[in-house]
Amino acid sequence: MAVVSVPATGDIVLIGAAASVQFAGDRALRLRISAVNLGPTYHGWIWLTGYVLDKRGRAVDRREVYVQAAGIEILTADAGPARRAAGESQRRGLRSRHGSQH
Protein backbone atom coordinates (compact mmCIF):
# COMPACT_ATOMS: atom_id res chain seq x y z
CA MET A 1 0.00 0.00 0.00
CA ALA A 2 1.39 3.38 -1.03
CA VAL A 3 1.15 6.13 1.56
CA VAL A 4 -0.09 9.42 0.12
CA SER A 5 1.52 12.59 1.43
CA VAL A 6 -1.19 14.91 2.66
CA PRO A 7 -0.20 18.56 2.88
CA ALA A 8 -0.62 20.41 6.15
CA THR A 9 -1.29 24.02 7.06
CA GLY A 10 1.62 26.19 5.93
CA ASP A 11 2.80 23.88 3.15
CA ILE A 12 3.14 25.22 -0.37
CA VAL A 13 1.95 22.76 -2.99
CA LEU A 14 1.82 22.59 -6.76
CA ILE A 15 -1.56 21.60 -8.10
CA GLY A 16 -1.44 20.53 -11.74
CA ALA A 17 -2.99 18.01 -14.11
CA ALA A 18 -1.98 15.04 -11.93
CA ALA A 19 -4.17 16.44 -9.14
CA SER A 20 -7.15 17.26 -11.39
CA VAL A 21 -7.60 17.87 -15.12
CA GLN A 22 -8.98 21.33 -14.39
CA PHE A 23 -5.46 22.41 -13.37
CA ALA A 24 -3.67 21.21 -16.52
CA GLY A 25 -1.17 23.38 -18.39
CA ASP A 26 -1.23 27.08 -17.61
CA ARG A 27 -4.06 26.53 -15.13
CA ALA A 28 -1.68 24.89 -12.62
CA LEU A 29 -1.26 26.81 -9.41
CA ARG A 30 0.86 27.09 -6.32
CA LEU A 31 -1.21 27.06 -3.17
CA ARG A 32 -0.19 27.90 0.40
CA ILE A 33 -2.39 25.59 2.48
CA SER A 34 -4.55 27.17 5.16
CA ALA A 35 -6.81 24.14 5.80
CA VAL A 36 -7.09 20.48 4.85
CA ASN A 37 -10.51 18.85 5.08
CA LEU A 38 -10.12 15.09 5.45
CA GLY A 39 -13.85 14.46 5.74
CA PRO A 40 -15.53 11.74 3.69
CA THR A 41 -14.93 12.05 -0.07
CA TYR A 42 -14.25 9.75 -2.97
CA HIS A 43 -11.24 7.54 -2.32
CA GLY A 44 -7.99 9.43 -2.81
CA TRP A 45 -9.56 12.90 -3.13
CA ILE A 46 -9.30 15.75 -0.61
CA TRP A 47 -10.50 19.32 -0.16
CA LEU A 48 -7.75 21.93 0.27
CA THR A 49 -8.20 25.58 1.19
CA GLY A 50 -5.42 28.06 0.70
CA TYR A 51 -4.00 31.07 -1.03
CA VAL A 52 -2.86 31.07 -4.64
CA LEU A 53 0.69 32.42 -4.89
CA ASP A 54 2.00 34.52 -7.77
CA LYS A 55 5.52 34.19 -9.20
CA ARG A 56 6.90 36.32 -6.37
CA GLY A 57 5.25 34.19 -3.69
CA ARG A 58 2.57 36.75 -2.82
CA ALA A 59 -0.94 35.56 -2.01
CA VAL A 60 -3.28 36.79 -4.76
CA ASP A 61 -6.48 34.78 -4.30
CA ARG A 62 -8.15 32.46 -1.79
CA ARG A 63 -9.26 29.11 -3.23
CA GLU A 64 -10.87 25.89 -2.15
CA VAL A 65 -9.98 22.98 -4.43
CA TYR A 66 -10.99 19.33 -4.66
CA VAL A 67 -8.02 17.28 -5.87
CA GLN A 68 -6.47 13.83 -5.92
CA ALA A 69 -4.04 13.64 -3.00
CA ALA A 70 -1.60 11.48 -4.99
CA GLY A 71 -1.28 14.20 -7.65
CA ILE A 72 -0.25 16.99 -5.29
CA GLU A 73 3.41 17.99 -5.25
CA ILE A 74 4.53 19.44 -1.92
CA LEU A 75 7.07 22.15 -2.81
CA THR A 76 7.89 23.40 0.68
CA ALA A 77 6.73 22.20 4.05
CA ASP A 78 6.39 24.24 7.20
CA ALA A 79 8.47 21.96 9.42
CA GLY A 80 7.56 23.51 12.77
CA PRO A 81 6.47 21.30 15.68
CA ALA A 82 2.76 22.07 15.28
CA ARG A 83 2.93 21.21 11.56
CA ARG A 84 4.68 17.91 12.18
CA ALA A 85 2.11 16.85 14.78
CA ALA A 86 -0.85 17.94 12.63
CA GLY A 87 0.60 16.39 9.48
CA GLU A 88 1.22 13.05 11.11
CA SER A 89 -2.29 12.84 12.54
CA GLN A 90 -3.76 13.81 9.13
CA ARG A 91 -1.70 11.16 7.34
CA ARG A 92 -2.67 8.49 9.88
CA GLY A 93 -6.32 9.42 9.41
CA LEU A 94 -6.09 9.17 5.62
CA ARG A 95 -4.38 5.77 5.80
CA SER A 96 -6.85 4.38 8.30
CA ARG A 97 -9.92 5.47 6.32
CA HIS A 98 -8.64 4.51 2.89
CA GLY A 99 -5.82 2.04 3.45
CA SER A 100 -7.67 -1.11 2.44
CA GLN A 101 -9.50 0.36 -0.56
CA HIS A 102 -8.22 0.27 -4.14
PDB file of N, CA and C in Angstrom:
ATOM      1  N   MET A   1       0.837  -1.177   0.000  1.00  0.00           N
ATOM      2  CA  MET A   1       0.000   0.000   0.000  1.00  0.00           C
ATOM      3  C   MET A   1       0.885   1.245   0.000  1.00  0.00           C
ATOM      4  N   ALA A   2       0.657   2.129  -0.960  1.00  0.00           N
ATOM      5  CA  ALA A   2       1.392   3.381  -1.027  1.00  0.00           C
ATOM      6  C   ALA A   2       0.772   4.382  -0.070  1.00  0.00           C
ATOM      7  N   VAL A   3       1.619   5.102   0.644  1.00  0.00           N
ATOM      8  CA  VAL A   3       1.150   6.126   1.557  1.00  0.00           C
ATOM      9  C   VAL A   3       1.165   7.451   0.812  1.00  0.00           C
ATOM     10  N   VAL A   4       0.045   8.135   0.805  1.00  0.00           N
ATOM     11  CA  VAL A   4      -0.086   9.415   0.124  1.00  0.00           C
ATOM     12  C   VAL A   4       0.310  10.522   1.077  1.00  0.00           C
ATOM     13  N   SER A   5       1.161  11.433   0.612  1.00  0.00           N
ATOM     14  CA  SER A   5       1.519  12.588   1.432  1.00  0.00           C
ATOM     15  C   SER A   5       0.382  13.588   1.391  1.00  0.00           C
ATOM     16  N   VAL A   6      -0.111  13.929   2.542  1.00  0.00           N
ATOM     17  CA  VAL A   6      -1.189  14.907   2.659  1.00  0.00           C
ATOM     18  C   VAL A   6      -0.563  16.201   3.150  1.00  0.00           C
ATOM     19  N   PRO A   7      -0.779  17.298   2.421  1.00  0.00           N
ATOM     20  CA  PRO A   7      -0.200  18.561   2.883  1.00  0.00           C
ATOM     21  C   PRO A   7      -0.834  19.006   4.188  1.00  0.00           C
ATOM     22  N   ALA A   8      -0.132  19.866   4.890  1.00  0.00           N
ATOM     23  CA  ALA A   8      -0.620  20.413   6.152  1.00  0.00           C
ATOM     24  C   ALA A   8      -0.611  21.932   6.065  1.00  0.00           C
ATOM     25  N   THR A   9      -1.256  22.566   6.999  1.00  0.00           N
ATOM     26  CA  THR A   9      -1.291  24.017   7.061  1.00  0.00           C
ATOM     27  C   THR A   9       0.124  24.586   6.986  1.00  0.00           C
ATOM     28  N   GLY A  10       0.315  25.557   6.105  1.00  0.00           N
ATOM     29  CA  GLY A  10       1.622  26.190   5.933  1.00  0.00           C
ATOM     30  C   GLY A  10       2.412  25.648   4.762  1.00  0.00           C
ATOM     31  N   ASP A  11       2.098  24.447   4.294  1.00  0.00           N
ATOM     32  CA  ASP A  11       2.801  23.884   3.149  1.00  0.00           C
ATOM     33  C   ASP A  11       2.458  24.662   1.883  1.00  0.00           C
ATOM     34  N   ILE A  12       3.392  24.683   0.960  1.00  0.00           N
ATOM     35  CA  ILE A  12       3.136  25.224  -0.372  1.00  0.00           C
ATOM     36  C   ILE A  12       3.162  24.042  -1.324  1.00  0.00           C
ATOM     37  N   VAL A  13       2.080  23.908  -2.095  1.00  0.00           N
ATOM     38  CA  VAL A  13       1.945  22.763  -2.989  1.00  0.00           C
ATOM     39  C   VAL A  13       1.732  23.233  -4.415  1.00  0.00           C
ATOM     40  N   LEU A  14       2.102  22.365  -5.353  1.00  0.00           N
ATOM     41  CA  LEU A  14       1.823  22.586  -6.764  1.00  0.00           C
ATOM     42  C   LEU A  14       0.644  21.705  -7.124  1.00  0.00           C
ATOM     43  N   ILE A  15      -0.370  22.320  -7.686  1.00  0.00           N
ATOM     44  CA  ILE A  15      -1.560  21.597  -8.104  1.00  0.00           C
ATOM     45  C   ILE A  15      -1.633  21.715  -9.615  1.00  0.00           C
ATOM     46  N   GLY A  16      -1.428  20.573 -10.283  1.00  0.00           N
ATOM     47  CA  GLY A  16      -1.441  20.535 -11.739  1.00  0.00           C
ATOM     48  C   GLY A  16      -2.356  19.431 -12.233  1.00  0.00           C
ATOM     49  N   ALA A  17      -2.132  18.999 -13.455  1.00  0.00           N
ATOM     50  CA  ALA A  17      -2.988  18.010 -14.110  1.00  0.00           C
ATOM     51  C   ALA A  17      -3.051  16.691 -13.349  1.00  0.00           C
ATOM     52  N   ALA A  18      -1.978  16.300 -12.673  1.00  0.00           N
ATOM     53  CA  ALA A  18      -1.984  15.037 -11.930  1.00  0.00           C
ATOM     54  C   ALA A  18      -2.955  15.085 -10.753  1.00  0.00           C
ATOM     55  N   ALA A  19      -3.240  16.285 -10.253  1.00  0.00           N
ATOM     56  CA  ALA A  19      -4.171  16.438  -9.136  1.00  0.00           C
ATOM     57  C   ALA A  19      -5.611  16.525  -9.628  1.00  0.00           C
ATOM     58  N   SER A  20      -5.817  17.146 -10.788  1.00  0.00           N
ATOM     59  CA  SER A  20      -7.146  17.261 -11.388  1.00  0.00           C
ATOM     60  C   SER A  20      -6.985  17.880 -12.776  1.00  0.00           C
ATOM     61  N   VAL A  21      -7.733  17.374 -13.736  1.00  0.00           N
ATOM     62  CA  VAL A  21      -7.600  17.872 -15.120  1.00  0.00           C
ATOM     63  C   VAL A  21      -7.903  19.358 -15.231  1.00  0.00           C
ATOM     64  N   GLN A  22      -8.676  19.910 -14.311  1.00  0.00           N
ATOM     65  CA  GLN A  22      -8.983  21.335 -14.390  1.00  0.00           C
ATOM     66  C   GLN A  22      -7.771  22.222 -14.138  1.00  0.00           C
ATOM     67  N   PHE A  23      -6.669  21.639 -13.640  1.00  0.00           N
ATOM     68  CA  PHE A  23      -5.459  22.406 -13.366  1.00  0.00           C
ATOM     69  C   PHE A  23      -4.326  22.070 -14.338  1.00  0.00           C
ATOM     70  N   ALA A  24      -4.665  21.577 -15.511  1.00  0.00           N
ATOM     71  CA  ALA A  24      -3.665  21.213 -16.522  1.00  0.00           C
ATOM     72  C   ALA A  24      -3.059  22.467 -17.161  1.00  0.00           C
ATOM     73  N   GLY A  25      -1.839  22.320 -17.638  1.00  0.00           N
ATOM     74  CA  GLY A  25      -1.172  23.382 -18.393  1.00  0.00           C
ATOM     75  C   GLY A  25      -1.009  24.663 -17.610  1.00  0.00           C
ATOM     76  N   ASP A  26      -1.414  25.775 -18.250  1.00  0.00           N
ATOM     77  CA  ASP A  26      -1.225  27.080 -17.614  1.00  0.00           C
ATOM     78  C   ASP A  26      -2.233  27.352 -16.498  1.00  0.00           C
ATOM     79  N   ARG A  27      -3.105  26.391 -16.229  1.00  0.00           N
ATOM     80  CA  ARG A  27      -4.064  26.534 -15.126  1.00  0.00           C
ATOM     81  C   ARG A  27      -3.522  25.966 -13.813  1.00  0.00           C
ATOM     82  N   ALA A  28      -2.310  25.395 -13.850  1.00  0.00           N
ATOM     83  CA  ALA A  28      -1.675  24.892 -12.622  1.00  0.00           C
ATOM     84  C   ALA A  28      -1.479  26.057 -11.667  1.00  0.00           C
ATOM     85  N   LEU A  29      -1.466  25.745 -10.372  1.00  0.00           N
ATOM     86  CA  LEU A  29      -1.262  26.814  -9.405  1.00  0.00           C
ATOM     87  C   LEU A  29      -0.458  26.342  -8.216  1.00  0.00           C
ATOM     88  N   ARG A  30       0.190  27.329  -7.596  1.00  0.00           N
ATOM     89  CA  ARG A  30       0.864  27.087  -6.324  1.00  0.00           C
ATOM     90  C   ARG A  30      -0.074  27.580  -5.239  1.00  0.00           C
ATOM     91  N   LEU A  31      -0.257  26.766  -4.226  1.00  0.00           N
ATOM     92  CA  LEU A  31      -1.215  27.064  -3.175  1.00  0.00           C
ATOM     93  C   LEU A  31      -0.545  26.936  -1.816  1.00  0.00           C
ATOM     94  N   ARG A  32      -0.649  27.990  -0.985  1.00  0.00           N
ATOM     95  CA  ARG A  32      -0.194  27.904   0.400  1.00  0.00           C
ATOM     96  C   ARG A  32      -1.398  27.420   1.202  1.00  0.00           C
ATOM     97  N   ILE A  33      -1.271  26.254   1.814  1.00  0.00           N
ATOM     98  CA  ILE A  33      -2.389  25.595   2.478  1.00  0.00           C
ATOM     99  C   ILE A  33      -2.761  26.315   3.773  1.00  0.00           C
ATOM    100  N   SER A  34      -4.058  26.609   3.898  1.00  0.00           N
ATOM    101  CA  SER A  34      -4.555  27.168   5.157  1.00  0.00           C
ATOM    102  C   SER A  34      -5.452  26.170   5.890  1.00  0.00           C
ATOM    103  N   ALA A  35      -5.990  25.173   5.162  1.00  0.00           N
ATOM    104  CA  ALA A  35      -6.813  24.143   5.801  1.00  0.00           C
ATOM    105  C   ALA A  35      -6.883  22.913   4.910  1.00  0.00           C
ATOM    106  N   VAL A  36      -6.918  21.756   5.544  1.00  0.00           N
ATOM    107  CA  VAL A  36      -7.087  20.476   4.855  1.00  0.00           C
ATOM    108  C   VAL A  36      -8.320  19.818   5.456  1.00  0.00           C
ATOM    109  N   ASN A  37      -9.292  19.512   4.613  1.00  0.00           N
ATOM    110  CA  ASN A  37     -10.505  18.848   5.079  1.00  0.00           C
ATOM    111  C   ASN A  37     -10.403  17.373   4.710  1.00  0.00           C
ATOM    112  N   LEU A  38     -10.255  16.521   5.699  1.00  0.00           N
ATOM    113  CA  LEU A  38     -10.125  15.086   5.448  1.00  0.00           C
ATOM    114  C   LEU A  38     -11.439  14.355   5.698  1.00  0.00           C
ATOM    115  N   GLY A  39     -12.534  15.079   5.592  1.00  0.00           N
ATOM    116  CA  GLY A  39     -13.845  14.463   5.740  1.00  0.00           C
ATOM    117  C   GLY A  39     -14.104  13.471   4.618  1.00  0.00           C
ATOM    118  N   PRO A  40     -15.223  12.774   4.681  1.00  0.00           N
ATOM    119  CA  PRO A  40     -15.529  11.741   3.685  1.00  0.00           C
ATOM    120  C   PRO A  40     -15.622  12.315   2.270  1.00  0.00           C
ATOM    121  N   THR A  41     -14.910  11.686   1.352  1.00  0.00           N
ATOM    122  CA  THR A  41     -14.935  12.049  -0.067  1.00  0.00           C
ATOM    123  C   THR A  41     -14.738  10.764  -0.857  1.00  0.00           C
ATOM    124  N   TYR A  42     -14.635  10.904  -2.160  1.00  0.00           N
ATOM    125  CA  TYR A  42     -14.250   9.753  -2.969  1.00  0.00           C
ATOM    126  C   TYR A  42     -12.830   9.352  -2.599  1.00  0.00           C
ATOM    127  N   HIS A  43     -12.546   8.072  -2.689  1.00  0.00           N
ATOM    128  CA  HIS A  43     -11.236   7.536  -2.315  1.00  0.00           C
ATOM    129  C   HIS A  43     -10.109   8.285  -3.042  1.00  0.00           C
ATOM    130  N   GLY A  44      -9.167   8.788  -2.259  1.00  0.00           N
ATOM    131  CA  GLY A  44      -7.986   9.435  -2.813  1.00  0.00           C
ATOM    132  C   GLY A  44      -8.146  10.924  -3.091  1.00  0.00           C
ATOM    133  N   TRP A  45      -9.309  11.479  -2.873  1.00  0.00           N
ATOM    134  CA  TRP A  45      -9.557  12.899  -3.132  1.00  0.00           C
ATOM    135  C   TRP A  45      -9.668  13.654  -1.809  1.00  0.00           C
ATOM    136  N   ILE A  46      -9.214  14.924  -1.806  1.00  0.00           N
ATOM    137  CA  ILE A  46      -9.298  15.755  -0.611  1.00  0.00           C
ATOM    138  C   ILE A  46      -9.656  17.197  -0.993  1.00  0.00           C
ATOM    139  N   TRP A  47     -10.225  17.895  -0.031  1.00  0.00           N
ATOM    140  CA  TRP A  47     -10.502  19.322  -0.164  1.00  0.00           C
ATOM    141  C   TRP A  47      -9.354  20.090   0.477  1.00  0.00           C
ATOM    142  N   LEU A  48      -8.802  21.063  -0.256  1.00  0.00           N
ATOM    143  CA  LEU A  48      -7.752  21.928   0.269  1.00  0.00           C
ATOM    144  C   LEU A  48      -8.220  23.374   0.178  1.00  0.00           C
ATOM    145  N   THR A  49      -7.926  24.142   1.203  1.00  0.00           N
ATOM    146  CA  THR A  49      -8.197  25.575   1.189  1.00  0.00           C
ATOM    147  C   THR A  49      -6.860  26.273   1.349  1.00  0.00           C
ATOM    148  N   GLY A  50      -6.675  27.342   0.588  1.00  0.00           N
ATOM    149  CA  GLY A  50      -5.421  28.063   0.703  1.00  0.00           C
ATOM    150  C   GLY A  50      -5.394  29.307  -0.151  1.00  0.00           C
ATOM    151  N   TYR A  51      -4.206  29.839  -0.288  1.00  0.00           N
ATOM    152  CA  TYR A  51      -3.997  31.070  -1.026  1.00  0.00           C
ATOM    153  C   TYR A  51      -3.129  30.796  -2.236  1.00  0.00           C
ATOM    154  N   VAL A  52      -3.620  31.195  -3.409  1.00  0.00           N
ATOM    155  CA  VAL A  52      -2.862  31.065  -4.643  1.00  0.00           C
ATOM    156  C   VAL A  52      -1.704  32.055  -4.580  1.00  0.00           C
ATOM    157  N   LEU A  53      -0.509  31.581  -4.927  1.00  0.00           N
ATOM    158  CA  LEU A  53       0.689  32.418  -4.891  1.00  0.00           C
ATOM    159  C   LEU A  53       1.092  32.813  -6.298  1.00  0.00           C
ATOM    160  N   ASP A  54       1.491  34.083  -6.466  1.00  0.00           N
ATOM    161  CA  ASP A  54       1.996  34.517  -7.767  1.00  0.00           C
ATOM    162  C   ASP A  54       3.472  34.133  -7.888  1.00  0.00           C
ATOM    163  N   LYS A  55       4.124  34.564  -8.969  1.00  0.00           N
ATOM    164  CA  LYS A  55       5.525  34.187  -9.204  1.00  0.00           C
ATOM    165  C   LYS A  55       6.474  34.715  -8.139  1.00  0.00           C
ATOM    166  N   ARG A  56       6.072  35.759  -7.442  1.00  0.00           N
ATOM    167  CA  ARG A  56       6.905  36.323  -6.374  1.00  0.00           C
ATOM    168  C   ARG A  56       6.581  35.730  -5.007  1.00  0.00           C
ATOM    169  N   GLY A  57       5.615  34.819  -4.953  1.00  0.00           N
ATOM    170  CA  GLY A  57       5.247  34.186  -3.695  1.00  0.00           C
ATOM    171  C   GLY A  57       4.217  34.953  -2.888  1.00  0.00           C
ATOM    172  N   ARG A  58       3.590  35.961  -3.511  1.00  0.00           N
ATOM    173  CA  ARG A  58       2.566  36.749  -2.824  1.00  0.00           C
ATOM    174  C   ARG A  58       1.202  36.093  -3.008  1.00  0.00           C
ATOM    175  N   ALA A  59       0.417  36.096  -1.940  1.00  0.00           N
ATOM    176  CA  ALA A  59      -0.940  35.562  -2.011  1.00  0.00           C
ATOM    177  C   ALA A  59      -1.794  36.509  -2.841  1.00  0.00           C
ATOM    178  N   VAL A  60      -2.479  35.949  -3.873  1.00  0.00           N
ATOM    179  CA  VAL A  60      -3.284  36.793  -4.758  1.00  0.00           C
ATOM    180  C   VAL A  60      -4.760  36.398  -4.776  1.00  0.00           C
ATOM    181  N   ASP A  61      -5.096  35.230  -4.275  1.00  0.00           N
ATOM    182  CA  ASP A  61      -6.483  34.781  -4.300  1.00  0.00           C
ATOM    183  C   ASP A  61      -6.661  33.643  -3.310  1.00  0.00           C
ATOM    184  N   ARG A  62      -7.819  33.577  -2.684  1.00  0.00           N
ATOM    185  CA  ARG A  62      -8.145  32.461  -1.790  1.00  0.00           C
ATOM    186  C   ARG A  62      -8.941  31.447  -2.586  1.00  0.00           C
ATOM    187  N   ARG A  63      -8.580  30.167  -2.473  1.00  0.00           N
ATOM    188  CA  ARG A  63      -9.261  29.115  -3.231  1.00  0.00           C
ATOM    189  C   ARG A  63      -9.531  27.911  -2.365  1.00  0.00           C
ATOM    190  N   GLU A  64     -10.591  27.199  -2.715  1.00  0.00           N
ATOM    191  CA  GLU A  64     -10.867  25.887  -2.151  1.00  0.00           C
ATOM    192  C   GLU A  64     -10.907  24.939  -3.338  1.00  0.00           C
ATOM    193  N   VAL A  65     -10.091  23.889  -3.288  1.00  0.00           N
ATOM    194  CA  VAL A  65      -9.984  22.977  -4.431  1.00  0.00           C
ATOM    195  C   VAL A  65     -10.209  21.541  -3.980  1.00  0.00           C
ATOM    196  N   TYR A  66     -10.734  20.757  -4.889  1.00  0.00           N
ATOM    197  CA  TYR A  66     -10.993  19.332  -4.659  1.00  0.00           C
ATOM    198  C   TYR A  66     -10.069  18.576  -5.597  1.00  0.00           C
ATOM    199  N   VAL A  67      -9.080  17.868  -5.050  1.00  0.00           N
ATOM    200  CA  VAL A  67      -8.023  17.283  -5.865  1.00  0.00           C
ATOM    201  C   VAL A  67      -7.665  15.874  -5.402  1.00  0.00           C
ATOM    202  N   GLN A  68      -6.979  15.148  -6.269  1.00  0.00           N
ATOM    203  CA  GLN A  68      -6.465  13.827  -5.917  1.00  0.00           C
ATOM    204  C   GLN A  68      -5.189  14.017  -5.091  1.00  0.00           C
ATOM    205  N   ALA A  69      -5.177  13.482  -3.901  1.00  0.00           N
ATOM    206  CA  ALA A  69      -4.037  13.645  -3.001  1.00  0.00           C
ATOM    207  C   ALA A  69      -2.743  13.145  -3.635  1.00  0.00           C
ATOM    208  N   ALA A  70      -2.812  12.055  -4.384  1.00  0.00           N
ATOM    209  CA  ALA A  70      -1.602  11.484  -4.988  1.00  0.00           C
ATOM    210  C   ALA A  70      -0.998  12.392  -6.053  1.00  0.00           C
ATOM    211  N   GLY A  71      -1.767  13.317  -6.600  1.00  0.00           N
ATOM    212  CA  GLY A  71      -1.283  14.201  -7.649  1.00  0.00           C
ATOM    213  C   GLY A  71      -0.714  15.513  -7.158  1.00  0.00           C
ATOM    214  N   ILE A  72      -0.753  15.743  -5.866  1.00  0.00           N
ATOM    215  CA  ILE A  72      -0.250  16.989  -5.294  1.00  0.00           C
ATOM    216  C   ILE A  72       1.257  16.880  -5.105  1.00  0.00           C
ATOM    217  N   GLU A  73       1.969  17.941  -5.482  1.00  0.00           N
ATOM    218  CA  GLU A  73       3.408  17.986  -5.254  1.00  0.00           C
ATOM    219  C   GLU A  73       3.673  18.997  -4.145  1.00  0.00           C
ATOM    220  N   ILE A  74       4.208  18.535  -3.020  1.00  0.00           N
ATOM    221  CA  ILE A  74       4.529  19.442  -1.917  1.00  0.00           C
ATOM    222  C   ILE A  74       5.874  20.083  -2.232  1.00  0.00           C
ATOM    223  N   LEU A  75       5.853  21.419  -2.435  1.00  0.00           N
ATOM    224  CA  LEU A  75       7.067  22.147  -2.808  1.00  0.00           C
ATOM    225  C   LEU A  75       7.885  22.524  -1.592  1.00  0.00           C
ATOM    226  N   THR A  76       7.218  23.066  -0.573  1.00  0.00           N
ATOM    227  CA  THR A  76       7.889  23.399   0.684  1.00  0.00           C
ATOM    228  C   THR A  76       6.947  23.039   1.818  1.00  0.00           C
ATOM    229  N   ALA A  77       7.530  22.583   2.882  1.00  0.00           N
ATOM    230  CA  ALA A  77       6.732  22.201   4.049  1.00  0.00           C
ATOM    231  C   ALA A  77       7.136  23.068   5.224  1.00  0.00           C
ATOM    232  N   ASP A  78       6.150  23.530   5.949  1.00  0.00           N
ATOM    233  CA  ASP A  78       6.387  24.239   7.198  1.00  0.00           C
ATOM    234  C   ASP A  78       6.733  23.171   8.222  1.00  0.00           C
ATOM    235  N   ALA A  79       8.001  23.080   8.598  1.00  0.00           N
ATOM    236  CA  ALA A  79       8.469  21.962   9.415  1.00  0.00           C
ATOM    237  C   ALA A  79       8.437  22.244  10.918  1.00  0.00           C
ATOM    238  N   GLY A  80       7.653  23.213  11.344  1.00  0.00           N
ATOM    239  CA  GLY A  80       7.560  23.515  12.769  1.00  0.00           C
ATOM    240  C   GLY A  80       6.905  22.386  13.542  1.00  0.00           C
ATOM    241  N   PRO A  81       7.028  22.385  14.866  1.00  0.00           N
ATOM    242  CA  PRO A  81       6.475  21.301  15.684  1.00  0.00           C
ATOM    243  C   PRO A  81       4.977  21.112  15.506  1.00  0.00           C
ATOM    244  N   ALA A  82       4.217  22.195  15.431  1.00  0.00           N
ATOM    245  CA  ALA A  82       2.761  22.065  15.277  1.00  0.00           C
ATOM    246  C   ALA A  82       2.432  21.421  13.933  1.00  0.00           C
ATOM    247  N   ARG A  83       3.160  21.766  12.897  1.00  0.00           N
ATOM    248  CA  ARG A  83       2.931  21.206  11.564  1.00  0.00           C
ATOM    249  C   ARG A  83       3.219  19.719  11.549  1.00  0.00           C
ATOM    250  N   ARG A  84       4.328  19.328  12.168  1.00  0.00           N
ATOM    251  CA  ARG A  84       4.680  17.907  12.179  1.00  0.00           C
ATOM    252  C   ARG A  84       3.611  17.095  12.886  1.00  0.00           C
ATOM    253  N   ALA A  85       3.141  17.573  14.032  1.00  0.00           N
ATOM    254  CA  ALA A  85       2.112  16.848  14.782  1.00  0.00           C
ATOM    255  C   ALA A  85       0.812  16.784  13.989  1.00  0.00           C
ATOM    256  N   ALA A  86       0.395  17.908  13.409  1.00  0.00           N
ATOM    257  CA  ALA A  86      -0.855  17.940  12.632  1.00  0.00           C
ATOM    258  C   ALA A  86      -0.720  17.072  11.389  1.00  0.00           C
ATOM    259  N   GLY A  87       0.395  17.160  10.705  1.00  0.00           N
ATOM    260  CA  GLY A  87       0.600  16.389   9.479  1.00  0.00           C
ATOM    261  C   GLY A  87       0.582  14.897   9.735  1.00  0.00           C
ATOM    262  N   GLU A  88       1.206  14.474  10.805  1.00  0.00           N
ATOM    263  CA  GLU A  88       1.224  13.047  11.112  1.00  0.00           C
ATOM    264  C   GLU A  88      -0.165  12.534  11.435  1.00  0.00           C
ATOM    265  N   SER A  89      -0.941  13.301  12.208  1.00  0.00           N
ATOM    266  CA  SER A  89      -2.288  12.837  12.536  1.00  0.00           C
ATOM    267  C   SER A  89      -3.163  12.830  11.290  1.00  0.00           C
ATOM    268  N   GLN A  90      -2.989  13.785  10.378  1.00  0.00           N
ATOM    269  CA  GLN A  90      -3.759  13.809   9.133  1.00  0.00           C
ATOM    270  C   GLN A  90      -3.404  12.596   8.282  1.00  0.00           C
ATOM    271  N   ARG A  91      -2.118  12.302   8.163  1.00  0.00           N
ATOM    272  CA  ARG A  91      -1.697  11.162   7.342  1.00  0.00           C
ATOM    273  C   ARG A  91      -2.206   9.851   7.923  1.00  0.00           C
ATOM    274  N   ARG A  92      -2.145   9.706   9.260  1.00  0.00           N
ATOM    275  CA  ARG A  92      -2.667   8.492   9.881  1.00  0.00           C
ATOM    276  C   ARG A  92      -4.148   8.348   9.594  1.00  0.00           C
ATOM    277  N   GLY A  93      -4.884   9.449   9.672  1.00  0.00           N
ATOM    278  CA  GLY A  93      -6.319   9.416   9.413  1.00  0.00           C
ATOM    279  C   GLY A  93      -6.627   9.016   7.986  1.00  0.00           C
ATOM    280  N   LEU A  94      -5.860   9.515   7.023  1.00  0.00           N
ATOM    281  CA  LEU A  94      -6.087   9.173   5.622  1.00  0.00           C
ATOM    282  C   LEU A  94      -5.793   7.699   5.389  1.00  0.00           C
ATOM    283  N   ARG A  95      -4.723   7.185   5.974  1.00  0.00           N
ATOM    284  CA  ARG A  95      -4.383   5.770   5.802  1.00  0.00           C
ATOM    285  C   ARG A  95      -5.446   4.894   6.429  1.00  0.00           C
ATOM    286  N   SER A  96      -5.917   5.257   7.612  1.00  0.00           N
ATOM    287  CA  SER A  96      -6.852   4.384   8.304  1.00  0.00           C
ATOM    288  C   SER A  96      -8.206   4.340   7.608  1.00  0.00           C
ATOM    289  N   ARG A  97      -8.630   5.451   7.008  1.00  0.00           N
ATOM    290  CA  ARG A  97      -9.921   5.472   6.318  1.00  0.00           C
ATOM    291  C   ARG A  97      -9.861   4.827   4.955  1.00  0.00           C
ATOM    292  N   HIS A  98      -8.707   4.936   4.270  1.00  0.00           N
ATOM    293  CA  HIS A  98      -8.642   4.506   2.887  1.00  0.00           C
ATOM    294  C   HIS A  98      -7.610   3.430   2.621  1.00  0.00           C
ATOM    295  N   GLY A  99      -6.924   2.968   3.648  1.00  0.00           N
ATOM    296  CA  GLY A  99      -5.816   2.043   3.455  1.00  0.00           C
ATOM    297  C   GLY A  99      -6.169   0.746   2.784  1.00  0.00           C
ATOM    298  N   SER A 100      -7.344   0.197   2.991  1.00  0.00           N
ATOM    299  CA  SER A 100      -7.666  -1.114   2.437  1.00  0.00           C
ATOM    300  C   SER A 100      -8.443  -1.019   1.127  1.00  0.00           C
ATOM    301  N   GLN A 101      -8.754   0.198   0.694  1.00  0.00           N
ATOM    302  CA  GLN A 101      -9.504   0.356  -0.561  1.00  0.00           C
ATOM    303  C   GLN A 101      -8.553   0.467  -1.735  1.00  0.00           C
ATOM    304  N   HIS A 102      -9.033   0.132  -2.918  1.00  0.00           N
ATOM    305  CA  HIS A 102      -8.223   0.267  -4.145  1.00  0.00           C
ATOM    306  C   HIS A 102      -8.985   1.012  -5.172  1.00  0.00           C
TER     307      HIS A 102
END
